[in-house]
C-alpha atoms as a PDB file:
ATOM      1  CA  MET A   1      12.732  -1.246   9.339  1.00  0.00           C
ATOM      2  CA  ASP A   2       8.975  -1.545   9.105  1.00  0.00           C
ATOM      3  CA  ALA A   3       6.746   0.160   6.553  1.00  0.00           C
ATOM      4  CA  LYS A   4       3.038   0.122   5.821  1.00  0.00           C
ATOM      5  CA  VAL A   5       0.364   1.645   3.641  1.00  0.00           C
ATOM      6  CA  ILE A   6      -3.092   2.560   4.884  1.00  0.00           C
ATOM      7  CA  TRP A   7      -5.955   2.571   2.416  1.00  0.00           C
ATOM      8  CA  LYS A   8      -7.856   5.881   2.299  1.00  0.00           C
ATOM      9  CA  ASN A   9     -10.349   5.239  -0.528  1.00  0.00           C
ATOM     10  CA  ARG A  10     -10.507   3.994  -4.121  1.00  0.00           C
ATOM     11  CA  MET A  11      -6.812   3.570  -5.075  1.00  0.00           C
ATOM     12  CA  SER A  12      -5.433   6.101  -2.580  1.00  0.00           C
ATOM     13  CA  PHE A  13      -3.113   5.175   0.276  1.00  0.00           C
ATOM     14  CA  ASP A  14      -0.868   6.832   2.839  1.00  0.00           C
ATOM     15  CA  GLY A  15       2.524   5.234   3.311  1.00  0.00           C
ATOM     16  CA  THR A  16       4.562   5.486   6.478  1.00  0.00           C
ATOM     17  CA  SER A  17       7.530   3.828   8.138  1.00  0.00           C
ATOM     18  CA  ASP A  18       9.665   4.011  11.254  1.00  0.00           C
ATOM     19  CA  SER A  19      10.550   7.681  10.680  1.00  0.00           C
ATOM     20  CA  GLY A  20       6.897   8.617  11.144  1.00  0.00           C
ATOM     21  CA  PHE A  21       6.591  10.667   7.964  1.00  0.00           C
ATOM     22  CA  THR A  22       3.675  10.108   5.603  1.00  0.00           C
ATOM     23  CA  VAL A  23       3.735  10.003   1.812  1.00  0.00           C
ATOM     24  CA  PRO A  24       0.632   9.802  -0.401  1.00  0.00           C
ATOM     25  CA  LEU A  25       0.353   6.968  -2.921  1.00  0.00           C
ATOM     26  CA  GLY A  26      -2.080   6.946  -5.805  1.00  0.00           C
ATOM     27  CA  THR A  27      -2.566   6.078  -9.429  1.00  0.00           C
ATOM     28  CA  THR A  28      -4.226   7.307 -12.602  1.00  0.00           C
ATOM     29  CA  PRO A  29      -7.977   7.496 -13.242  1.00  0.00           C
ATOM     30  CA  GLU A  30      -7.560   4.882 -16.006  1.00  0.00           C
ATOM     31  CA  VAL A  31      -6.998   2.243 -13.333  1.00  0.00           C
ATOM     32  CA  GLY A  32      -9.406   3.578 -10.728  1.00  0.00           C
ATOM     33  CA  GLY A  33      -7.271   6.209  -9.040  1.00  0.00           C
ATOM     34  CA  ASP A  34      -7.563   9.925  -8.415  1.00  0.00           C
ATOM     35  CA  ASP A  35      -4.030  10.911  -9.488  1.00  0.00           C
ATOM     36  CA  ASP A  36      -3.382  12.004  -5.905  1.00  0.00           C
ATOM     37  CA  GLY A  37      -0.009  10.583  -4.946  1.00  0.00           C
ATOM     38  CA  PHE A  38       3.247   8.953  -5.902  1.00  0.00           C
ATOM     39  CA  ARG A  39       3.151   5.701  -7.840  1.00  0.00           C
ATOM     40  CA  PRO A  40       4.940   2.956  -5.887  1.00  0.00           C
ATOM     41  CA  LEU A  41       7.684   2.534  -8.513  1.00  0.00           C
ATOM     42  CA  GLU A  42       8.251   6.285  -8.518  1.00  0.00           C
ATOM     43  CA  LEU A  43       9.046   6.008  -4.825  1.00  0.00           C
ATOM     44  CA  LEU A  44      11.623   3.309  -5.573  1.00  0.00           C
ATOM     45  CA  ALA A  45      13.354   5.682  -8.007  1.00  0.00           C
ATOM     46  CA  VAL A  46      13.105   8.614  -5.575  1.00  0.00           C
ATOM     47  CA  GLY A  47      14.487   6.406  -2.800  1.00  0.00           C
ATOM     48  CA  LEU A  48      17.439   5.424  -4.975  1.00  0.00           C
ATOM     49  CA  ALA A  49      18.115   9.074  -5.867  1.00  0.00           C
ATOM     50  CA  GLY A  50      17.887  10.139  -2.240  1.00  0.00           C
ATOM     51  CA  CYS A  51      20.104   7.331  -0.984  1.00  0.00           C
ATOM     52  CA  THR A  52      22.979   8.083  -3.322  1.00  0.00           C
ATOM     53  CA  ALA A  53      22.488  11.865  -3.068  1.00  0.00           C
ATOM     54  CA  MET A  54      22.946  11.789   0.699  1.00  0.00           C
ATOM     55  CA  ASP A  55      26.111   9.710   0.322  1.00  0.00           C
ATOM     56  CA  VAL A  56      27.632  11.996  -2.283  1.00  0.00           C
ATOM     57  CA  VAL A  57      26.864  15.205  -0.375  1.00  0.00           C
ATOM     58  CA  SER A  58      28.294  13.713   2.827  1.00  0.00           C
ATOM     59  CA  ILE A  59      31.481  12.554   1.082  1.00  0.00           C
ATOM     60  CA  LEU A  60      31.988  15.840  -0.787  1.00  0.00           C
ATOM     61  CA  THR A  61      31.465  17.801   2.431  1.00  0.00           C
ATOM     62  CA  LYS A  62      34.164  15.713   4.124  1.00  0.00           C
ATOM     63  CA  LYS A  63      36.422  16.390   1.122  1.00  0.00           C
ATOM     64  CA  ARG A  64      35.760  20.127   1.619  1.00  0.00           C
ATOM     65  CA  GLN A  65      34.099  20.481  -1.773  1.00  0.00           C
ATOM     66  CA  GLU A  66      31.791  23.509  -1.827  1.00  0.00           C
ATOM     67  CA  LEU A  67      28.501  22.702  -3.562  1.00  0.00           C
ATOM     68  CA  THR A  68      26.178  25.465  -4.711  1.00  0.00           C
ATOM     69  CA  SER A  69      23.623  23.176  -6.326  1.00  0.00           C
ATOM     70  CA  PHE A  70      23.155  19.437  -6.528  1.00  0.00           C
ATOM     71  CA  GLU A  71      20.544  17.077  -7.852  1.00  0.00           C
ATOM     72  CA  VAL A  72      20.372  13.409  -8.672  1.00  0.00           C
ATOM     73  CA  ARG A  73      18.201  12.353 -11.593  1.00  0.00           C
ATOM     74  CA  VAL A  74      17.157   8.732 -12.005  1.00  0.00           C
ATOM     75  CA  HIS A  75      15.874   7.593 -15.369  1.00  0.00           C
ATOM     76  CA  ALA A  76      14.298   4.142 -15.279  1.00  0.00           C
ATOM     77  CA  ASP A  77      13.503   2.181 -18.419  1.00  0.00           C
ATOM     78  CA  ARG A  78      10.692  -0.305 -17.872  1.00  0.00           C
ATOM     79  CA  GLN A  79       9.481  -3.486 -19.470  1.00  0.00           C
ATOM     80  CA  ASP A  80       6.461  -2.922 -21.729  1.00  0.00           C
ATOM     81  CA  GLU A  81       4.409  -5.786 -20.328  1.00  0.00           C
ATOM     82  CA  HIS A  82       3.414  -6.617 -16.785  1.00  0.00           C
ATOM     83  CA  PRO A  83       4.992  -6.672 -14.303  1.00  0.00           C
ATOM     84  CA  LYS A  84       6.700  -3.664 -16.023  1.00  0.00           C
ATOM     85  CA  VAL A  85       9.896  -4.008 -14.001  1.00  0.00           C
ATOM     86  CA  PHE A  86      12.874  -1.704 -14.374  1.00  0.00           C
ATOM     87  CA  THR A  87      15.131  -2.934 -17.179  1.00  0.00           C
ATOM     88  CA  HIS A  88      17.842  -0.263 -17.055  1.00  0.00           C
ATOM     89  CA  LEU A  89      18.677   2.651 -14.756  1.00  0.00           C
ATOM     90  CA  THR A  90      20.677   5.790 -15.430  1.00  0.00           C
ATOM     91  CA  ILE A  91      21.689   7.865 -12.430  1.00  0.00           C
ATOM     92  CA  GLU A  92      22.854  11.364 -13.294  1.00  0.00           C
ATOM     93  CA  TYR A  93      24.571  13.577 -10.742  1.00  0.00           C
ATOM     94  CA  VAL A  94      24.223  17.265 -11.672  1.00  0.00           C
ATOM     95  CA  LEU A  95      26.430  19.567  -9.593  1.00  0.00           C
ATOM     96  CA  SER A  96      27.813  23.017  -9.464  1.00  0.00           C
ATOM     97  CA  GLY A  97      30.089  24.577  -6.928  1.00  0.00           C
ATOM     98  CA  ASN A  98      33.164  26.612  -6.226  1.00  0.00           C
ATOM     99  CA  ASP A  99      36.303  24.951  -7.601  1.00  0.00           C
ATOM    100  CA  LEU A 100      34.787  21.463  -7.572  1.00  0.00           C
ATOM    101  CA  SER A 101      37.309  18.731  -8.187  1.00  0.00           C
ATOM    102  CA  HIS A 102      36.066  16.359 -10.882  1.00  0.00           C
ATOM    103  CA  GLU A 103      38.163  13.610  -9.303  1.00  0.00           C
ATOM    104  CA  ALA A 104      36.568  14.186  -5.876  1.00  0.00           C
ATOM    105  CA  VAL A 105      33.099  14.046  -7.403  1.00  0.00           C
ATOM    106  CA  GLU A 106      33.907  10.851  -9.316  1.00  0.00           C
ATOM    107  CA  ARG A 107      35.267   9.242  -6.169  1.00  0.00           C
ATOM    108  CA  ALA A 108      32.205  10.245  -4.132  1.00  0.00           C
ATOM    109  CA  VAL A 109      29.890   8.764  -6.767  1.00  0.00           C
ATOM    110  CA  GLN A 110      32.002   5.596  -6.903  1.00  0.00           C
ATOM    111  CA  LEU A 111      31.986   5.181  -3.112  1.00  0.00           C
ATOM    112  CA  SER A 112      28.225   5.604  -3.021  1.00  0.00           C
ATOM    113  CA  ALA A 113      27.777   3.045  -5.791  1.00  0.00           C
ATOM    114  CA  GLU A 114      30.232   0.470  -4.476  1.00  0.00           C
ATOM    115  CA  LYS A 115      30.156   0.871  -0.702  1.00  0.00           C
ATOM    116  CA  TYR A 116      27.525   3.034   0.934  1.00  0.00           C
ATOM    117  CA  CYS A 117      24.142   3.178  -0.852  1.00  0.00           C
ATOM    118  CA  PRO A 118      22.075   0.079  -0.039  1.00  0.00           C
ATOM    119  CA  ALA A 119      19.390   1.000  -2.583  1.00  0.00           C
ATOM    120  CA  GLN A 120      21.963   1.141  -5.374  1.00  0.00           C
ATOM    121  CA  ALA A 121      23.573  -2.094  -4.204  1.00  0.00           C
ATOM    122  CA  MET A 122      20.195  -3.887  -4.336  1.00  0.00           C
ATOM    123  CA  PHE A 123      19.253  -2.518  -7.750  1.00  0.00           C
ATOM    124  CA  ALA A 124      22.718  -3.352  -9.144  1.00  0.00           C
ATOM    125  CA  LYS A 125      22.022  -7.030  -8.456  1.00  0.00           C
ATOM    126  CA  ILE A 126      18.987  -7.043 -10.759  1.00  0.00           C
ATOM    127  CA  VAL A 127      19.307  -4.301 -13.383  1.00  0.00           C
ATOM    128  CA  PRO A 128      22.143  -2.583 -15.282  1.00  0.00           C
ATOM    129  CA  ILE A 129      22.976   0.891 -13.951  1.00  0.00           C
ATOM    130  CA  ASP A 130      24.819   3.642 -15.796  1.00  0.00           C
ATOM    131  CA  LEU A 131      26.270   6.569 -13.864  1.00  0.00           C
ATOM    132  CA  LYS A 132      26.652  10.022 -15.351  1.00  0.00           C
ATOM    133  CA  ILE A 133      28.272  13.104 -13.807  1.00  0.00           C
ATOM    134  CA  THR A 134      27.491  16.594 -15.040  1.00  0.00           C
ATOM    135  CA  ILE A 135      29.412  19.468 -13.439  1.00  0.00           C
ATOM    136  CA  GLN A 136      28.023  22.818 -14.477  1.00  0.00           C
END
């Protein structure tokens, strides 16, 4: 996989990779930006959420679990001083559906965490991760 950012002006960039899609990156006016795009660390959290979300939906679909809504929320605690790295992650899976099996959901989350999601596997090597499941 290859990725790149292209500088537009000030602290504004467009990011792209092999898929060909473009995502805006920016920062706050306090550090010279125009508040016009994702912060790079936000994209790491969104990437983690998306990676595990796709796994869980795929697994639950194969298990014939009928979802009516699904979201993955990532909360990242960060170090106060630079480089302000992530110090702890909480991934919350919020689902609703028709006759969802709690056991099937737990197993899907576990398989994503332990086998399928490369983003989660990389983060797990460097920061503690808590998983939370909320079935509504």
